[in-house]
Protein backbone atom coordinates (compact mmCIF):
# COMPACT_ATOMS: atom_id res chain seq x y z
CA MET A 1 5.50 8.16 12.46
CA SER A 2 2.98 8.19 15.27
CA ALA A 3 1.39 11.49 16.14
CA ALA A 4 0.35 12.37 19.68
CA GLN A 5 -3.20 11.76 18.52
CA PRO A 6 -3.41 9.22 15.69
CA ASN A 7 -5.48 9.92 12.59
CA GLN A 8 -5.34 13.67 13.04
CA LEU A 9 -4.04 16.41 10.76
CA SER A 10 -2.24 19.40 12.19
CA ASP A 11 -2.66 22.86 10.71
CA GLN A 12 0.76 22.36 9.13
CA ASP A 13 -0.38 19.09 7.59
CA LYS A 14 -3.47 20.72 6.13
CA ALA A 15 -1.41 23.59 4.73
CA ALA A 16 0.86 21.02 3.07
CA GLY A 17 -2.14 19.44 1.34
CA TRP A 18 -2.49 16.27 3.38
CA GLN A 19 -5.87 14.54 3.56
CA LEU A 20 -6.83 11.59 5.73
CA LEU A 21 -8.02 8.43 4.02
CA PHE A 22 -9.17 7.05 7.39
CA ASP A 23 -10.23 9.19 10.36
CA GLY A 24 -9.95 6.48 13.04
CA LYS A 25 -13.69 6.54 13.71
CA GLU A 26 -15.53 5.17 10.70
CA ILE A 27 -14.81 3.57 7.35
CA LYS A 28 -15.86 5.93 4.58
CA GLY A 29 -14.53 6.73 1.14
CA TRP A 30 -13.85 3.04 0.46
CA HIS A 31 -15.71 0.20 -1.25
CA SER A 32 -15.22 -3.26 -2.71
CA PRO A 33 -13.63 -3.36 -6.19
CA GLY A 34 -16.37 -3.15 -8.80
CA LYS A 35 -19.03 -2.19 -6.26
CA THR A 36 -20.24 0.90 -4.46
CA THR A 37 -20.62 -0.87 -1.11
CA MET A 38 -18.26 -2.13 1.58
CA PRO A 39 -17.59 -5.86 1.91
CA GLU A 40 -19.60 -7.16 4.84
CA GLY A 41 -17.84 -8.53 7.90
CA LYS A 42 -14.31 -8.04 6.57
CA TRP A 43 -13.11 -4.82 8.27
CA GLU A 44 -13.78 -2.96 11.48
CA VAL A 45 -12.58 0.10 13.38
CA GLN A 46 -10.68 -1.03 16.47
CA ASP A 47 -9.16 1.51 18.88
CA GLY A 48 -8.32 3.95 16.08
CA TRP A 49 -7.05 1.26 13.72
CA LEU A 50 -8.62 0.14 10.47
CA HIS A 51 -8.57 -3.60 11.17
CA CYS A 52 -8.82 -6.27 8.49
CA LEU A 53 -10.24 -9.40 10.08
CA GLY A 54 -8.31 -11.60 7.68
CA LYS A 55 -11.23 -13.56 6.29
CA GLY A 56 -10.22 -13.01 2.65
CA GLY A 57 -12.09 -11.48 -0.26
CA GLY A 58 -12.49 -8.08 1.37
CA ASP A 59 -10.19 -5.77 -0.58
CA LEU A 60 -11.02 -2.07 -0.26
CA VAL A 61 -10.46 0.55 -2.96
CA SER A 62 -10.61 4.30 -2.47
CA GLU A 63 -13.38 6.28 -4.08
CA GLU A 64 -10.85 8.92 -5.11
CA GLN A 65 -8.15 8.44 -7.73
CA PHE A 66 -4.59 9.75 -7.55
CA GLU A 67 -1.65 10.16 -9.92
CA GLN A 68 1.17 12.23 -8.38
CA PHE A 69 1.22 11.80 -4.61
CA GLU A 70 2.88 10.97 -1.33
CA LEU A 71 1.06 8.26 0.59
CA GLN A 72 1.86 7.43 4.22
CA TRP A 73 0.52 4.90 6.71
CA GLU A 74 1.33 2.95 9.84
CA TRP A 75 0.63 -0.74 10.02
CA ARG A 76 1.08 -3.90 11.99
CA LEU A 77 0.58 -7.46 10.87
CA ALA A 78 -0.30 -10.72 12.56
CA ALA A 79 2.37 -13.42 12.75
CA ALA A 80 2.88 -15.19 9.39
CA GLY A 81 0.65 -12.52 7.84
CA ASN A 82 0.46 -11.24 4.27
CA SER A 83 -1.09 -7.99 3.07
CA GLY A 84 -0.32 -4.99 0.91
CA VAL A 85 -1.25 -1.49 -0.15
CA LYS A 86 -1.71 -0.99 -3.89
CA TYR A 87 -1.66 2.17 -5.97
CA PHE A 88 -2.46 2.86 -9.65
CA VAL A 89 -5.53 0.60 -9.43
CA ALA A 90 -7.05 1.95 -12.61
CA ASP A 91 -9.80 -0.56 -13.38
CA PHE A 92 -12.86 -0.09 -11.17
CA ARG A 93 -13.60 -3.83 -11.30
CA SER A 94 -10.09 -5.16 -10.80
CA PRO A 95 -7.74 -5.20 -7.78
CA LEU A 96 -4.62 -5.03 -9.98
CA GLY A 97 -2.11 -2.29 -9.20
CA HIS A 98 1.43 -1.68 -8.02
CA GLU A 99 1.59 -3.37 -4.63
CA TYR A 100 3.70 -2.26 -1.69
CA GLN A 101 4.09 -5.66 -0.08
CA MET A 102 3.51 -6.08 3.68
CA LEU A 103 4.62 -9.49 4.93
CA ASP A 104 5.98 -11.44 7.86
CA ASP A 105 9.25 -12.02 6.00
CA ASN A 106 10.46 -14.61 8.48
CA ALA A 107 7.37 -16.80 8.66
CA HIS A 108 5.37 -16.41 5.44
CA PRO A 109 6.42 -18.72 2.57
CA ASP A 110 5.93 -16.00 -0.06
CA ALA A 111 9.07 -14.28 1.22
CA LYS A 112 11.15 -17.13 -0.17
CA LEU A 113 9.66 -16.84 -3.66
CA GLY A 114 10.24 -14.35 -6.45
CA ASP A 115 13.99 -13.85 -5.91
CA GLY A 116 13.42 -11.26 -3.19
CA LYS A 117 10.65 -9.45 -5.05
CA ARG A 118 7.93 -10.49 -2.63
CA ILE A 119 9.28 -9.39 0.74
CA THR A 120 8.08 -6.35 2.66
CA SER A 121 8.43 -3.00 0.83
CA SER A 122 8.92 -4.64 -2.56
CA PHE A 123 6.99 -3.62 -5.67
CA TYR A 124 5.38 -7.01 -5.51
CA ASP A 125 6.82 -9.51 -8.00
CA VAL A 126 8.49 -6.73 -10.02
CA PHE A 127 11.25 -5.11 -7.92
CA GLY A 128 12.62 -6.16 -4.56
CA PRO A 129 13.99 -3.64 -2.07
CA GLN A 130 17.44 -2.32 -3.00
CA SER A 131 18.67 -2.08 0.57
CA LYS A 132 18.16 -3.97 3.80
CA THR A 133 14.60 -3.59 5.03
CA PRO A 134 14.29 -2.36 8.64
CA LEU A 135 11.17 -4.43 9.28
CA ASN A 136 9.79 -4.73 12.80
CA ARG A 137 8.50 -7.97 14.28
CA PRO A 138 4.87 -9.11 13.86
CA MET A 139 2.39 -6.92 15.77
CA GLU A 140 4.98 -4.14 16.12
CA ILE A 141 4.19 -0.89 14.29
CA ASN A 142 5.85 -0.11 10.96
CA PHE A 143 5.76 3.18 9.06
CA SER A 144 5.58 3.13 5.26
CA LYS A 145 5.30 5.62 2.46
CA VAL A 146 5.13 5.69 -1.32
CA ILE A 147 6.11 8.77 -3.30
CA VAL A 148 5.21 9.25 -6.98
CA LYS A 149 6.78 12.33 -8.56
CA GLY A 150 6.79 12.46 -12.32
CA ASN A 151 7.79 8.96 -13.36
CA HIS A 152 9.92 8.45 -10.25
CA VAL A 153 8.57 6.15 -7.51
CA GLU A 154 10.02 5.55 -4.05
CA HIS A 155 9.13 3.00 -1.37
CA TRP A 156 10.08 3.81 2.23
CA LEU A 157 10.01 1.65 5.35
CA ASN A 158 10.60 2.97 8.87
CA GLN A 159 12.32 6.17 7.69
CA ALA A 160 14.59 4.39 5.20
CA LYS A 161 14.25 4.61 1.42
CA VAL A 162 14.45 0.98 0.34
CA LEU A 163 13.36 1.04 -3.31
CA GLU A 164 13.14 3.47 -6.22
CA TYR A 165 12.23 2.89 -9.84
CA GLU A 166 11.19 4.80 -12.97
CA LEU A 167 7.78 4.27 -14.50
CA GLY A 168 7.93 3.33 -18.17
CA SER A 169 11.70 2.87 -18.17
CA ASP A 170 13.41 0.00 -20.01
CA ALA A 171 14.40 -1.52 -16.66
CA THR A 172 10.81 -1.43 -15.40
CA LYS A 173 9.42 -2.82 -18.66
CA LYS A 174 11.88 -5.69 -18.48
CA ALA A 175 11.04 -6.38 -14.83
CA VAL A 176 7.31 -6.40 -15.61
CA GLN A 177 7.89 -8.86 -18.47
CA ASN A 178 9.60 -11.15 -15.98
CA SER A 179 6.70 -10.90 -13.53
CA LYS A 180 3.17 -12.26 -13.23
CA PHE A 181 1.90 -8.96 -14.67
CA LYS A 182 3.49 -9.32 -18.13
CA THR A 183 0.11 -9.51 -19.88
CA THR A 184 -1.48 -6.62 -17.95
CA PRO A 185 -1.83 -3.55 -20.23
CA LYS A 186 0.15 -0.45 -19.18
CA PHE A 187 1.47 -2.17 -16.07
CA GLY A 188 4.63 -0.37 -14.97
CA GLU A 189 3.55 2.93 -16.50
CA LEU A 190 2.15 6.06 -14.86
CA VAL A 191 -1.62 5.86 -14.61
CA LYS A 192 -4.22 7.60 -12.51
CA GLY A 193 -5.82 5.16 -10.12
CA ARG A 194 -7.19 4.25 -6.74
CA ILE A 195 -5.53 3.11 -3.54
CA LEU A 196 -6.30 -0.47 -2.50
CA LEU A 197 -6.03 -2.08 0.93
CA GLN A 198 -5.59 -5.80 0.57
CA ASP A 199 -7.43 -8.54 2.45
CA HIS A 200 -5.10 -11.50 1.97
CA ASN A 201 -6.54 -13.86 4.58
CA ALA A 202 -4.47 -12.29 7.36
CA GLU A 203 -5.15 -9.76 10.08
CA VAL A 204 -3.62 -6.34 9.44
CA TRP A 205 -4.11 -3.02 11.23
CA ILE A 206 -3.68 0.36 9.50
CA ARG A 207 -3.82 3.91 10.84
CA ASN A 208 -2.50 7.41 10.07
CA LEU A 209 -3.35 6.69 6.45
CA LYS A 210 -2.98 9.96 4.57
CA ILE A 211 -2.12 11.30 1.12
CA ARG A 212 -1.12 14.59 -0.45
CA PRO A 213 -0.56 15.70 -4.04
CA VAL A 214 3.02 16.04 -5.26
CA LYS A 215 3.97 18.43 -8.04
CA GLU A 216 6.21 17.10 -10.77
């Protein structure tokens, strides 16, 4: 949810272990997959938002890696847009991870594919949301979070829990085998990895991006 001053941590937040992954002023702590540098001309800071220009090929991965965590962010997407936030990106060179899909569900064709497993808040191509998604219209602000506690994962959208699944479970293994990730080693299991912000040829704006460790 929006704070009075975006991209700020209160004393209570700090005491709870939250850390900002974007301070609203500069892009640091991120780089292109497989590199130590930022992609040129793909992202900018715009009025406190981390703005993807939508040119494609500009994915960002965090320098830090995480395993048990709560991740929160606000976002808005251009009309007919497609983006995502990934976690468990374990290979430094690869952008593969569990993707929290961010999509214009009404206008982007991907929403009609994958039997509901590619709409906003899905675990992309593996699990679709298990309840109605309270998605706002393009360019309106949405609030999302991902919680990983033990092997239990939750996806939230605008204060509603819309998906939960168990890492390494028979149900998850079966879903992965029915997805495009069936040949990816350890996909669907708990791994320590980076956070990835996707550049999928669409403009997306992200702010209040923060993470804290969660104890099992």
